[in-house]
């Protein structure tokens, strides 16, 4: 099994059965899957355990509430965006050293299934927050300490390199309002959203939980991603 860009700390093999094919998802910071065995249904069980509440108002949301974009919260001297590009792209090339990614290939974009070429300064590849920051704000993050919001915004567990044009259709949608057009990736995608919401104690709406359970019931062996960064950023980072 090959590590993308030669930089992934671990590779998570995600098992799915009915309705979703098996996916290979690398993880910066060492994400691993939970669950005692294939078929344990850890993702579905976790989805069923999420707290249900109504969506809070978006009032007060700004990107700055989650700190400076792509902060180096893991203290490896590279910004978070470049960390994820190194993790998720193939044939990676750098501008000076081994931090600033100048080129790479997303061989199979998880959202669309197509091949996408990344060149620095162009917008063919986005780094998506699997759980959108605005969605998080409306489901608990507005009440957090800034360090927890900064951690969420830079946690590899919540970040994925994807085709920009496909990602722009997502906006701040949750599982009830948006799923990847690539149907074979949906189980993996929803399991990732569940993992992030469980890790950060974010709630879900009733419609969202129902949609999560519907997707994951079609792949009852889907495991739950884990790992990533701590849920509090180092004290040197600040947010409004």
C-alpha atoms as a PDB file:
ATOM      1  CA  UNK A   1       0.000   0.000   0.000  1.00  0.00           C
ATOM      2  CA  UNK A   2       1.501   3.334  -1.070  1.00  0.00           C
ATOM      3  CA  UNK A   3       1.447   6.448   1.072  1.00  0.00           C
ATOM      4  CA  UNK A   4       0.278   9.545  -0.791  1.00  0.00           C
ATOM      5  CA  UNK A   5       3.060  12.005  -1.434  1.00  0.00           C
ATOM      6  CA  UNK A   6       5.281   9.846   0.773  1.00  0.00           C
ATOM      7  CA  UNK A   7       4.222  11.963   3.721  1.00  0.00           C
ATOM      8  CA  UNK A   8       1.288  10.262   5.372  1.00  0.00           C
ATOM      9  CA  UNK A   9       1.909   9.107   8.911  1.00  0.00           C
ATOM     10  CA  UNK A  10      -0.614   6.334   8.616  1.00  0.00           C
ATOM     11  CA  UNK A  11      -3.073   4.872   6.170  1.00  0.00           C
ATOM     12  CA  UNK A  12      -6.576   4.058   7.226  1.00  0.00           C
ATOM     13  CA  UNK A  13      -8.248   1.223   5.426  1.00  0.00           C
ATOM     14  CA  UNK A  14     -11.953   1.881   5.556  1.00  0.00           C
ATOM     15  CA  UNK A  15     -14.186  -1.129   5.027  1.00  0.00           C
ATOM     16  CA  UNK A  16     -17.602  -0.805   3.474  1.00  0.00           C
ATOM     17  CA  UNK A  17     -20.076  -3.308   2.191  1.00  0.00           C
ATOM     18  CA  UNK A  18     -23.466  -2.656   0.646  1.00  0.00           C
ATOM     19  CA  UNK A  19     -23.657   0.593  -1.314  1.00  0.00           C
ATOM     20  CA  UNK A  20     -20.075   1.822  -0.835  1.00  0.00           C
ATOM     21  CA  UNK A  21     -16.782   0.474  -2.052  1.00  0.00           C
ATOM     22  CA  UNK A  22     -13.761   0.171   0.207  1.00  0.00           C
ATOM     23  CA  UNK A  23     -11.825   3.422   0.455  1.00  0.00           C
ATOM     24  CA  UNK A  24      -8.241   4.134   1.400  1.00  0.00           C
ATOM     25  CA  UNK A  25      -7.956   7.316   3.432  1.00  0.00           C
ATOM     26  CA  UNK A  26      -4.533   8.560   4.550  1.00  0.00           C
ATOM     27  CA  UNK A  27      -4.280  10.590   7.705  1.00  0.00           C
ATOM     28  CA  UNK A  28      -1.806  13.208   8.811  1.00  0.00           C
ATOM     29  CA  UNK A  29      -1.192  13.049  12.527  1.00  0.00           C
ATOM     30  CA  UNK A  30      -1.888   9.316  12.680  1.00  0.00           C
ATOM     31  CA  UNK A  31      -5.664   8.873  12.371  1.00  0.00           C
ATOM     32  CA  UNK A  32      -6.700   5.289  12.873  1.00  0.00           C
ATOM     33  CA  UNK A  33      -9.996   3.490  12.834  1.00  0.00           C
ATOM     34  CA  UNK A  34     -11.914   2.451  15.885  1.00  0.00           C
ATOM     35  CA  UNK A  35     -13.941  -0.725  16.114  1.00  0.00           C
ATOM     36  CA  UNK A  36     -13.024  -4.197  17.264  1.00  0.00           C
ATOM     37  CA  UNK A  37     -13.348  -5.847  13.868  1.00  0.00           C
ATOM     38  CA  UNK A  38     -14.526  -5.395  10.323  1.00  0.00           C
ATOM     39  CA  UNK A  39     -18.294  -5.405  10.382  1.00  0.00           C
ATOM     40  CA  UNK A  40     -18.453  -3.917  13.862  1.00  0.00           C
ATOM     41  CA  UNK A  41     -20.379  -0.930  12.499  1.00  0.00           C
ATOM     42  CA  UNK A  42     -18.465   1.584  14.609  1.00  0.00           C
ATOM     43  CA  UNK A  43     -19.442   4.522  12.380  1.00  0.00           C
ATOM     44  CA  UNK A  44     -23.156   3.723  12.471  1.00  0.00           C
ATOM     45  CA  UNK A  45     -23.058   3.179  16.230  1.00  0.00           C
ATOM     46  CA  UNK A  46     -21.297   6.521  16.697  1.00  0.00           C
ATOM     47  CA  UNK A  47     -23.833   8.287  14.479  1.00  0.00           C
ATOM     48  CA  UNK A  48     -26.665   6.883  16.573  1.00  0.00           C
ATOM     49  CA  UNK A  49     -25.024   8.288  19.710  1.00  0.00           C
ATOM     50  CA  UNK A  50     -24.747  11.904  18.511  1.00  0.00           C
ATOM     51  CA  UNK A  51     -26.765  14.530  20.364  1.00  0.00           C
ATOM     52  CA  UNK A  52     -29.705  15.978  18.447  1.00  0.00           C
ATOM     53  CA  UNK A  53     -30.614  19.667  18.700  1.00  0.00           C
ATOM     54  CA  UNK A  54     -31.881  22.374  16.407  1.00  0.00           C
ATOM     55  CA  UNK A  55     -29.491  24.440  14.318  1.00  0.00           C
ATOM     56  CA  UNK A  56     -28.427  27.590  16.184  1.00  0.00           C
ATOM     57  CA  UNK A  57     -28.402  30.957  14.365  1.00  0.00           C
ATOM     58  CA  UNK A  58     -25.402  31.724  12.194  1.00  0.00           C
ATOM     59  CA  UNK A  59     -25.195  35.128  13.889  1.00  0.00           C
ATOM     60  CA  UNK A  60     -21.637  36.024  14.840  1.00  0.00           C
ATOM     61  CA  UNK A  61     -19.936  33.535  12.531  1.00  0.00           C
ATOM     62  CA  UNK A  62     -16.763  34.716  10.829  1.00  0.00           C
ATOM     63  CA  UNK A  63     -13.822  32.675   9.588  1.00  0.00           C
ATOM     64  CA  UNK A  64     -11.583  34.608  11.994  1.00  0.00           C
ATOM     65  CA  UNK A  65     -13.437  33.001  14.902  1.00  0.00           C
ATOM     66  CA  UNK A  66     -11.464  29.874  14.021  1.00  0.00           C
ATOM     67  CA  UNK A  67      -8.095  31.630  13.938  1.00  0.00           C
ATOM     68  CA  UNK A  68      -5.708  32.437  11.116  1.00  0.00           C
ATOM     69  CA  UNK A  69      -6.225  30.106   8.186  1.00  0.00           C
ATOM     70  CA  UNK A  70      -3.918  27.068   8.069  1.00  0.00           C
ATOM     71  CA  UNK A  71      -2.060  27.747  11.306  1.00  0.00           C
ATOM     72  CA  UNK A  72       0.837  25.428  12.147  1.00  0.00           C
ATOM     73  CA  UNK A  73      -0.857  23.986  15.223  1.00  0.00           C
ATOM     74  CA  UNK A  74       1.163  20.759  15.090  1.00  0.00           C
ATOM     75  CA  UNK A  75       4.428  22.767  15.243  1.00  0.00           C
ATOM     76  CA  UNK A  76       6.102  21.017  12.303  1.00  0.00           C
ATOM     77  CA  UNK A  77       7.049  24.354  10.678  1.00  0.00           C
ATOM     78  CA  UNK A  78       4.601  23.828   7.799  1.00  0.00           C
ATOM     79  CA  UNK A  79       1.152  25.344   7.471  1.00  0.00           C
ATOM     80  CA  UNK A  80      -1.815  23.009   7.719  1.00  0.00           C
ATOM     81  CA  UNK A  81      -2.760  23.447   4.045  1.00  0.00           C
ATOM     82  CA  UNK A  82       0.630  22.216   2.874  1.00  0.00           C
ATOM     83  CA  UNK A  83       0.493  19.335   5.359  1.00  0.00           C
ATOM     84  CA  UNK A  84      -2.741  18.110   3.788  1.00  0.00           C
ATOM     85  CA  UNK A  85      -1.504  18.614   0.238  1.00  0.00           C
ATOM     86  CA  UNK A  86       1.574  16.515   1.046  1.00  0.00           C
ATOM     87  CA  UNK A  87      -0.628  13.862   2.593  1.00  0.00           C
ATOM     88  CA  UNK A  88      -3.242  13.599  -0.147  1.00  0.00           C
ATOM     89  CA  UNK A  89      -1.424  14.336  -3.424  1.00  0.00           C
ATOM     90  CA  UNK A  90       0.828  12.127  -5.536  1.00  0.00           C
ATOM     91  CA  UNK A  91       3.996  13.197  -7.392  1.00  0.00           C
ATOM     92  CA  UNK A  92       4.449  16.123  -5.003  1.00  0.00           C
ATOM     93  CA  UNK A  93       6.970  18.849  -5.836  1.00  0.00           C
ATOM     94  CA  UNK A  94       8.044  21.673  -3.541  1.00  0.00           C
ATOM     95  CA  UNK A  95       9.188  25.273  -3.716  1.00  0.00           C
ATOM     96  CA  UNK A  96      12.236  25.505  -1.468  1.00  0.00           C
ATOM     97  CA  UNK A  97      12.655  22.670   1.004  1.00  0.00           C
ATOM     98  CA  UNK A  98       9.932  20.107   1.689  1.00  0.00           C
ATOM     99  CA  UNK A  99       7.125  22.252   3.016  1.00  0.00           C
ATOM    100  CA  UNK A 100       5.583  24.539   0.387  1.00  0.00           C
ATOM    101  CA  UNK A 101       3.857  22.309  -2.160  1.00  0.00           C
ATOM    102  CA  UNK A 102       4.100  23.688  -5.706  1.00  0.00           C
ATOM    103  CA  UNK A 103       2.695  20.729  -7.665  1.00  0.00           C
ATOM    104  CA  UNK A 104       0.920  17.437  -7.188  1.00  0.00           C
ATOM    105  CA  UNK A 105      -1.769  15.181  -8.570  1.00  0.00           C
ATOM    106  CA  UNK A 106      -4.995  14.198  -6.874  1.00  0.00           C
ATOM    107  CA  UNK A 107      -5.199  10.881  -8.682  1.00  0.00           C
ATOM    108  CA  UNK A 108      -8.778  10.140  -7.703  1.00  0.00           C
ATOM    109  CA  UNK A 109     -10.628  13.055  -6.169  1.00  0.00           C
ATOM    110  CA  UNK A 110     -12.812  11.604  -3.399  1.00  0.00           C
ATOM    111  CA  UNK A 111     -15.744  13.889  -4.212  1.00  0.00           C
ATOM    112  CA  UNK A 112     -15.888  13.511  -7.997  1.00  0.00           C
ATOM    113  CA  UNK A 113     -13.690  10.505  -8.760  1.00  0.00           C
ATOM    114  CA  UNK A 114     -11.727  12.409 -11.405  1.00  0.00           C
ATOM    115  CA  UNK A 115      -8.010  13.174 -11.586  1.00  0.00           C
ATOM    116  CA  UNK A 116      -7.098  16.745 -10.652  1.00  0.00           C
ATOM    117  CA  UNK A 117      -3.743  18.481 -11.009  1.00  0.00           C
ATOM    118  CA  UNK A 118      -2.634  20.929  -8.333  1.00  0.00           C
ATOM    119  CA  UNK A 119      -0.401  23.884  -9.199  1.00  0.00           C
ATOM    120  CA  UNK A 120       0.268  26.496  -6.565  1.00  0.00           C
ATOM    121  CA  UNK A 121      -1.572  29.743  -7.175  1.00  0.00           C
ATOM    122  CA  UNK A 122      -4.427  28.085  -9.050  1.00  0.00           C
ATOM    123  CA  UNK A 123      -7.699  26.836  -7.612  1.00  0.00           C
ATOM    124  CA  UNK A 124      -8.206  23.311  -8.982  1.00  0.00           C
ATOM    125  CA  UNK A 125      -7.702  21.777  -5.515  1.00  0.00           C
ATOM    126  CA  UNK A 126      -9.370  22.896  -2.300  1.00  0.00           C
ATOM    127  CA  UNK A 127      -8.672  21.760   1.239  1.00  0.00           C
ATOM    128  CA  UNK A 128     -12.173  21.032   2.475  1.00  0.00           C
ATOM    129  CA  UNK A 129     -13.331  21.100   6.059  1.00  0.00           C
ATOM    130  CA  UNK A 130     -15.343  17.879   6.080  1.00  0.00           C
ATOM    131  CA  UNK A 131     -17.459  19.426   8.817  1.00  0.00           C
ATOM    132  CA  UNK A 132     -17.773  22.981   7.543  1.00  0.00           C
ATOM    133  CA  UNK A 133     -16.764  25.645  10.050  1.00  0.00           C
ATOM    134  CA  UNK A 134     -20.053  27.482   9.648  1.00  0.00           C
ATOM    135  CA  UNK A 135     -21.942  24.251  10.280  1.00  0.00           C
ATOM    136  CA  UNK A 136     -19.823  23.644  13.376  1.00  0.00           C
ATOM    137  CA  UNK A 137     -20.523  27.188  14.573  1.00  0.00           C
ATOM    138  CA  UNK A 138     -24.265  26.558  14.401  1.00  0.00           C
ATOM    139  CA  UNK A 139     -23.962  23.235  16.229  1.00  0.00           C
ATOM    140  CA  UNK A 140     -21.889  24.097  19.243  1.00  0.00           C
ATOM    141  CA  UNK A 141     -18.654  25.799  18.219  1.00  0.00           C
ATOM    142  CA  UNK A 142     -19.952  29.322  18.876  1.00  0.00           C
ATOM    143  CA  UNK A 143     -19.860  28.455  22.598  1.00  0.00           C
ATOM    144  CA  UNK A 144     -16.299  27.088  22.631  1.00  0.00           C
ATOM    145  CA  UNK A 145     -13.040  28.563  23.785  1.00  0.00           C
ATOM    146  CA  UNK A 146     -11.050  29.929  20.814  1.00  0.00           C
ATOM    147  CA  UNK A 147      -8.359  27.251  21.190  1.00  0.00           C
ATOM    148  CA  UNK A 148     -10.900  24.526  20.442  1.00  0.00           C
ATOM    149  CA  UNK A 149     -12.174  26.318  17.336  1.00  0.00           C
ATOM    150  CA  UNK A 150      -8.598  26.763  16.086  1.00  0.00           C
ATOM    151  CA  UNK A 151      -7.964  23.050  16.681  1.00  0.00           C
ATOM    152  CA  UNK A 152     -11.034  22.041  14.661  1.00  0.00           C
ATOM    153  CA  UNK A 153     -10.074  24.285  11.740  1.00  0.00           C
ATOM    154  CA  UNK A 154      -6.617  22.685  11.512  1.00  0.00           C
ATOM    155  CA  UNK A 155      -7.309  19.083  12.516  1.00  0.00           C
ATOM    156  CA  UNK A 156      -6.238  16.609   9.780  1.00  0.00           C
ATOM    157  CA  UNK A 157      -9.182  14.436  10.780  1.00  0.00           C
ATOM    158  CA  UNK A 158     -11.443  17.201   9.424  1.00  0.00           C
ATOM    159  CA  UNK A 159      -9.441  18.101   6.303  1.00  0.00           C
ATOM    160  CA  UNK A 160      -9.330  16.630   2.809  1.00  0.00           C
ATOM    161  CA  UNK A 161      -7.803  17.690  -0.514  1.00  0.00           C
ATOM    162  CA  UNK A 162     -10.591  17.685  -3.103  1.00  0.00           C
ATOM    163  CA  UNK A 163     -11.598  18.982  -6.509  1.00  0.00           C
ATOM    164  CA  UNK A 164     -12.336  22.678  -6.071  1.00  0.00           C
ATOM    165  CA  UNK A 165     -15.277  22.923  -8.443  1.00  0.00           C
ATOM    166  CA  UNK A 166     -17.086  19.999  -6.803  1.00  0.00           C
ATOM    167  CA  UNK A 167     -16.324  21.296  -3.322  1.00  0.00           C
ATOM    168  CA  UNK A 168     -17.787  24.732  -4.054  1.00  0.00           C
ATOM    169  CA  UNK A 169     -21.224  23.130  -4.454  1.00  0.00           C
ATOM    170  CA  UNK A 170     -21.081  21.940  -0.847  1.00  0.00           C
ATOM    171  CA  UNK A 171     -21.002  25.313   0.889  1.00  0.00           C
ATOM    172  CA  UNK A 172     -21.582  24.731   4.589  1.00  0.00           C
ATOM    173  CA  UNK A 173     -23.905  21.779   3.980  1.00  0.00           C
ATOM    174  CA  UNK A 174     -24.235  18.840   6.341  1.00  0.00           C
ATOM    175  CA  UNK A 175     -25.117  15.245   5.457  1.00  0.00           C
ATOM    176  CA  UNK A 176     -28.804  16.135   5.125  1.00  0.00           C
ATOM    177  CA  UNK A 177     -28.130  18.740   2.441  1.00  0.00           C
ATOM    178  CA  UNK A 178     -24.995  17.599   0.565  1.00  0.00           C
ATOM    179  CA  UNK A 179     -23.202  14.356  -0.246  1.00  0.00           C
ATOM    180  CA  UNK A 180     -20.297  13.795  -2.660  1.00  0.00           C
ATOM    181  CA  UNK A 181     -21.431  13.041  -6.229  1.00  0.00           C
ATOM    182  CA  UNK A 182     -19.015  10.091  -6.092  1.00  0.00           C
ATOM    183  CA  UNK A 183     -21.411   7.583  -4.511  1.00  0.00           C
ATOM    184  CA  UNK A 184     -18.618   5.131  -3.750  1.00  0.00           C
ATOM    185  CA  UNK A 185     -17.114   7.631  -1.296  1.00  0.00           C
ATOM    186  CA  UNK A 186     -20.248   8.512   0.622  1.00  0.00           C
ATOM    187  CA  UNK A 187     -19.843   5.970   3.422  1.00  0.00           C
ATOM    188  CA  UNK A 188     -16.291   7.156   4.069  1.00  0.00           C
ATOM    189  CA  UNK A 189     -17.343  10.804   3.920  1.00  0.00           C
ATOM    190  CA  UNK A 190     -20.235  10.429   6.349  1.00  0.00           C
ATOM    191  CA  UNK A 191     -18.094   8.350   8.724  1.00  0.00           C
ATOM    192  CA  UNK A 192     -15.552  11.196   8.740  1.00  0.00           C
ATOM    193  CA  UNK A 193     -18.254  13.743   9.588  1.00  0.00           C
ATOM    194  CA  UNK A 194     -19.501  11.518  12.403  1.00  0.00           C
ATOM    195  CA  UNK A 195     -15.954  11.112  13.727  1.00  0.00           C
ATOM    196  CA  UNK A 196     -15.332  14.861  13.806  1.00  0.00           C
ATOM    197  CA  UNK A 197     -18.677  15.652  15.437  1.00  0.00           C
ATOM    198  CA  UNK A 198     -18.136  12.979  18.065  1.00  0.00           C
ATOM    199  CA  UNK A 199     -14.554  14.040  18.780  1.00  0.00           C
ATOM    200  CA  UNK A 200     -15.523  17.703  19.236  1.00  0.00           C
ATOM    201  CA  UNK A 201     -18.921  17.123  20.885  1.00  0.00           C
ATOM    202  CA  UNK A 202     -20.833  18.869  18.122  1.00  0.00           C
ATOM    203  CA  UNK A 203     -24.515  18.140  17.867  1.00  0.00           C
ATOM    204  CA  UNK A 204     -26.551  17.252  14.774  1.00  0.00           C
ATOM    205  CA  UNK A 205     -30.040  18.144  13.622  1.00  0.00           C
ATOM    206  CA  UNK A 206     -32.696  15.439  13.443  1.00  0.00           C
ATOM    207  CA  UNK A 207     -32.604  15.530   9.629  1.00  0.00           C
ATOM    208  CA  UNK A 208     -28.817  15.293   9.637  1.00  0.00           C
ATOM    209  CA  UNK A 209     -28.750  12.318  11.979  1.00  0.00           C
ATOM    210  CA  UNK A 210     -31.381  10.539   9.917  1.00  0.00           C
ATOM    211  CA  UNK A 211     -29.338  11.127   6.752  1.00  0.00           C
ATOM    212  CA  UNK A 212     -26.160   9.846   8.430  1.00  0.00           C
ATOM    213  CA  UNK A 213     -27.901   6.699   9.597  1.00  0.00           C
ATOM    214  CA  UNK A 214     -29.432   6.131   6.171  1.00  0.00           C
ATOM    215  CA  UNK A 215     -26.040   6.268   4.438  1.00  0.00           C
ATOM    216  CA  UNK A 216     -24.224   4.196   7.047  1.00  0.00           C
ATOM    217  CA  UNK A 217     -26.934   1.544   7.244  1.00  0.00           C
ATOM    218  CA  UNK A 218     -25.991   0.754   3.643  1.00  0.00           C
ATOM    219  CA  UNK A 219     -22.426  -0.015   4.745  1.00  0.00           C
ATOM    220  CA  UNK A 220     -22.812  -1.492   8.241  1.00  0.00           C
ATOM    221  CA  UNK A 221     -19.161  -2.499   8.420  1.00  0.00           C
ATOM    222  CA  UNK A 222     -17.930   1.072   8.044  1.00  0.00           C
ATOM    223  CA  UNK A 223     -15.373   1.880  10.688  1.00  0.00           C
ATOM    224  CA  UNK A 224     -14.907   5.226  12.407  1.00  0.00           C
ATOM    225  CA  UNK A 225     -11.810   7.335  11.646  1.00  0.00           C
ATOM    226  CA  UNK A 226      -9.920   8.571  14.687  1.00  0.00           C
ATOM    227  CA  UNK A 227      -6.745  10.439  15.597  1.00  0.00           C
ATOM    228  CA  UNK A 228      -5.700  13.821  14.281  1.00  0.00           C
ATOM    229  CA  UNK A 229      -4.629  16.677  16.515  1.00  0.00           C
ATOM    230  CA  UNK A 230      -5.605  17.509  20.119  1.00  0.00           C
ATOM    231  CA  UNK A 231      -8.880  19.388  20.551  1.00  0.00           C
ATOM    232  CA  UNK A 232      -7.121  22.480  21.926  1.00  0.00           C
ATOM    233  CA  UNK A 233      -4.548  24.459  19.965  1.00  0.00           C
ATOM    234  CA  UNK A 234      -1.297  25.532  21.663  1.00  0.00           C
ATOM    235  CA  UNK A 235      -1.703  28.763  23.700  1.00  0.00           C
ATOM    236  CA  UNK A 236       0.369  30.820  21.257  1.00  0.00           C
ATOM    237  CA  UNK A 237      -2.541  30.751  18.782  1.00  0.00           C
ATOM    238  CA  UNK A 238      -5.380  33.214  19.128  1.00  0.00           C
ATOM    239  CA  UNK A 239      -8.776  33.847  17.532  1.00  0.00           C
ATOM    240  CA  UNK A 240     -11.403  36.559  17.857  1.00  0.00           C
END
